[in-house]
Amino acid sequence: MQEKKLQLLVIDDDDINIFIIRKIVEKTGVPIEMVSRNNGQQAIDYLKDAIASQLDLPQLVLIDINMPVMNGWEFIEAYQDLNIEQPVNMYILSSSVYENDIEKTKTYPLVKGFISKPLSMERLNELINLLK
């Protein structure tokens, strides 16, 4: 029986960062289905389509804060409004060094933590292991 792939959603407007994460994902050796979107609105639209089509929803979501159209905080608010019951591990993945961004992360029950860019293979493996 084939192992079910972990569903990963990366929301970031930086194509280089998405490329790096994709390479790290490939090197983990873990079966991961990675989907990326360039802003929160695109991610919400993707999730709505996935729900309507009864596709697997992401178990792990990495969210940048500063993006055009809909930023990371606005995405989290919109995600909450979707009333998705499936458990999800969300992390802010940001280059922000502002203490208030790190503290704000703690005010969202859905968000498990703050990760400073760039994402490392070790950190991704830690996140994957938390899902097992």
Protein backbone atom coordinates (compact mmCIF):
# COMPACT_ATOMS: atom_id res chain seq x y z
CA MET A 1 0.00 0.00 0.00
CA GLN A 2 1.36 3.39 -0.97
CA GLU A 3 2.08 5.81 1.87
CA LYS A 4 -0.21 8.81 1.86
CA LYS A 5 1.60 12.01 0.96
CA LEU A 6 1.86 14.82 3.46
CA GLN A 7 0.06 17.88 2.12
CA LEU A 8 2.13 21.08 2.42
CA LEU A 9 0.92 24.56 1.51
CA VAL A 10 3.52 27.33 1.24
CA ILE A 11 2.23 30.90 1.00
CA ASP A 12 4.99 33.30 -0.01
CA ASP A 13 5.40 35.96 -2.69
CA ASP A 14 9.13 35.25 -3.02
CA ASP A 15 9.67 32.73 -5.82
CA ILE A 16 13.26 32.11 -4.72
CA ASN A 17 12.10 31.15 -1.24
CA ILE A 18 9.49 28.81 -2.73
CA PHE A 19 12.19 27.25 -4.95
CA ILE A 20 14.45 26.69 -1.91
CA ILE A 21 11.62 25.11 0.10
CA ARG A 22 10.74 22.84 -2.83
CA LYS A 23 14.39 21.66 -3.01
CA ILE A 24 14.47 21.04 0.75
CA VAL A 25 11.19 19.10 0.49
CA GLU A 26 12.68 16.91 -2.25
CA LYS A 27 15.75 16.16 -0.14
CA THR A 28 13.76 14.99 2.89
CA GLY A 29 12.85 11.74 1.15
CA VAL A 30 9.39 12.03 2.70
CA PRO A 31 6.42 11.79 0.32
CA ILE A 32 5.18 15.40 0.30
CA GLU A 33 2.71 17.08 -2.03
CA MET A 34 3.75 20.74 -1.99
CA VAL A 35 1.48 23.47 -3.27
CA SER A 36 2.56 27.10 -3.26
CA ARG A 37 0.60 30.30 -3.63
CA ASN A 38 1.96 33.85 -3.90
CA ASN A 39 -0.45 35.53 -1.49
CA GLY A 40 -3.11 34.78 1.07
CA GLN A 41 -6.03 35.31 -1.30
CA GLN A 42 -4.66 32.77 -3.78
CA ALA A 43 -4.23 30.33 -0.90
CA ILE A 44 -7.81 30.87 0.32
CA ASP A 45 -9.10 30.34 -3.24
CA TYR A 46 -7.02 27.14 -3.48
CA LEU A 47 -8.47 25.87 -0.18
CA LYS A 48 -12.04 26.67 -1.22
CA ASP A 49 -11.50 24.78 -4.49
CA ALA A 50 -9.96 21.84 -2.61
CA ILE A 51 -12.93 21.72 -0.22
CA ALA A 52 -15.43 21.91 -3.09
CA SER A 53 -13.58 19.14 -4.96
CA GLN A 54 -13.11 17.07 -1.78
CA LEU A 55 -9.34 17.02 -2.25
CA ASP A 56 -6.88 16.44 0.59
CA LEU A 57 -6.29 19.60 2.58
CA PRO A 58 -2.85 20.62 3.82
CA GLN A 59 -1.70 19.31 7.17
CA LEU A 60 1.21 21.77 7.21
CA VAL A 61 1.00 25.42 6.16
CA LEU A 62 3.96 27.81 6.02
CA ILE A 63 2.93 31.45 5.80
CA ASP A 64 4.95 34.54 5.00
CA ILE A 65 3.71 37.73 6.68
CA ASN A 66 4.34 40.48 4.15
CA MET A 67 2.66 39.76 0.82
CA PRO A 68 0.58 41.76 -1.64
CA VAL A 69 -3.22 41.38 -1.93
CA MET A 70 -3.66 39.45 1.35
CA ASN A 71 -0.88 39.23 3.94
CA GLY A 72 -0.21 36.35 6.31
CA TRP A 73 -2.30 37.72 9.18
CA GLU A 74 -5.26 38.33 6.87
CA PHE A 75 -4.86 34.79 5.50
CA ILE A 76 -5.10 33.32 9.01
CA GLU A 77 -8.28 35.32 9.70
CA ALA A 78 -9.80 34.19 6.38
CA TYR A 79 -8.74 30.58 7.05
CA GLN A 80 -10.56 30.66 10.38
CA ASP A 81 -13.71 31.81 8.56
CA LEU A 82 -13.56 28.67 6.37
CA ASN A 83 -14.35 26.56 9.47
CA ILE A 84 -12.08 23.71 8.36
CA GLU A 85 -12.28 20.97 10.95
CA GLN A 86 -9.26 18.96 9.79
CA PRO A 87 -6.25 19.52 12.07
CA VAL A 88 -3.57 21.75 10.57
CA ASN A 89 -0.13 22.85 11.70
CA MET A 90 0.44 26.44 10.66
CA TYR A 91 3.72 28.26 11.05
CA ILE A 92 4.70 31.80 10.21
CA LEU A 93 7.82 31.59 8.03
CA SER A 94 9.21 35.08 7.81
CA SER A 95 12.33 37.16 7.54
CA SER A 96 10.77 39.66 9.95
CA VAL A 97 12.94 40.50 12.91
CA TYR A 98 10.24 42.53 14.65
CA GLU A 99 9.45 41.25 18.12
CA ASN A 100 5.80 42.33 17.68
CA ASP A 101 5.44 39.92 14.71
CA ILE A 102 6.81 37.07 16.82
CA GLU A 103 4.49 38.02 19.69
CA LYS A 104 1.49 38.41 17.37
CA THR A 105 2.06 34.83 16.22
CA LYS A 106 1.21 33.70 19.77
CA THR A 107 -2.22 35.37 19.61
CA TYR A 108 -3.48 32.95 16.93
CA PRO A 109 -4.41 29.52 18.34
CA LEU A 110 -4.08 27.96 14.87
CA VAL A 111 -0.45 29.08 14.53
CA LYS A 112 2.01 26.69 16.16
CA GLY A 113 5.05 28.96 15.95
CA PHE A 114 7.33 31.42 14.21
CA ILE A 115 10.19 30.25 11.99
CA SER A 116 12.83 32.63 10.70
CA LYS A 117 13.73 32.36 7.02
CA PRO A 118 15.34 30.53 5.44
CA LEU A 119 13.74 27.19 6.26
CA SER A 120 16.34 24.50 6.94
CA MET A 121 16.04 20.79 6.20
CA GLU A 122 16.45 20.08 9.93
CA ARG A 123 13.55 22.38 10.80
CA LEU A 124 11.32 20.91 8.08
CA ASN A 125 12.10 17.41 9.35
CA GLU A 126 11.13 18.55 12.87
CA LEU A 127 7.80 19.85 11.54
CA ILE A 128 7.16 16.63 9.63
CA ASN A 129 7.91 14.53 12.71
CA LEU A 130 5.39 16.55 14.72
CA LEU A 131 2.71 15.42 12.27
CA LYS A 132 3.37 11.70 12.78
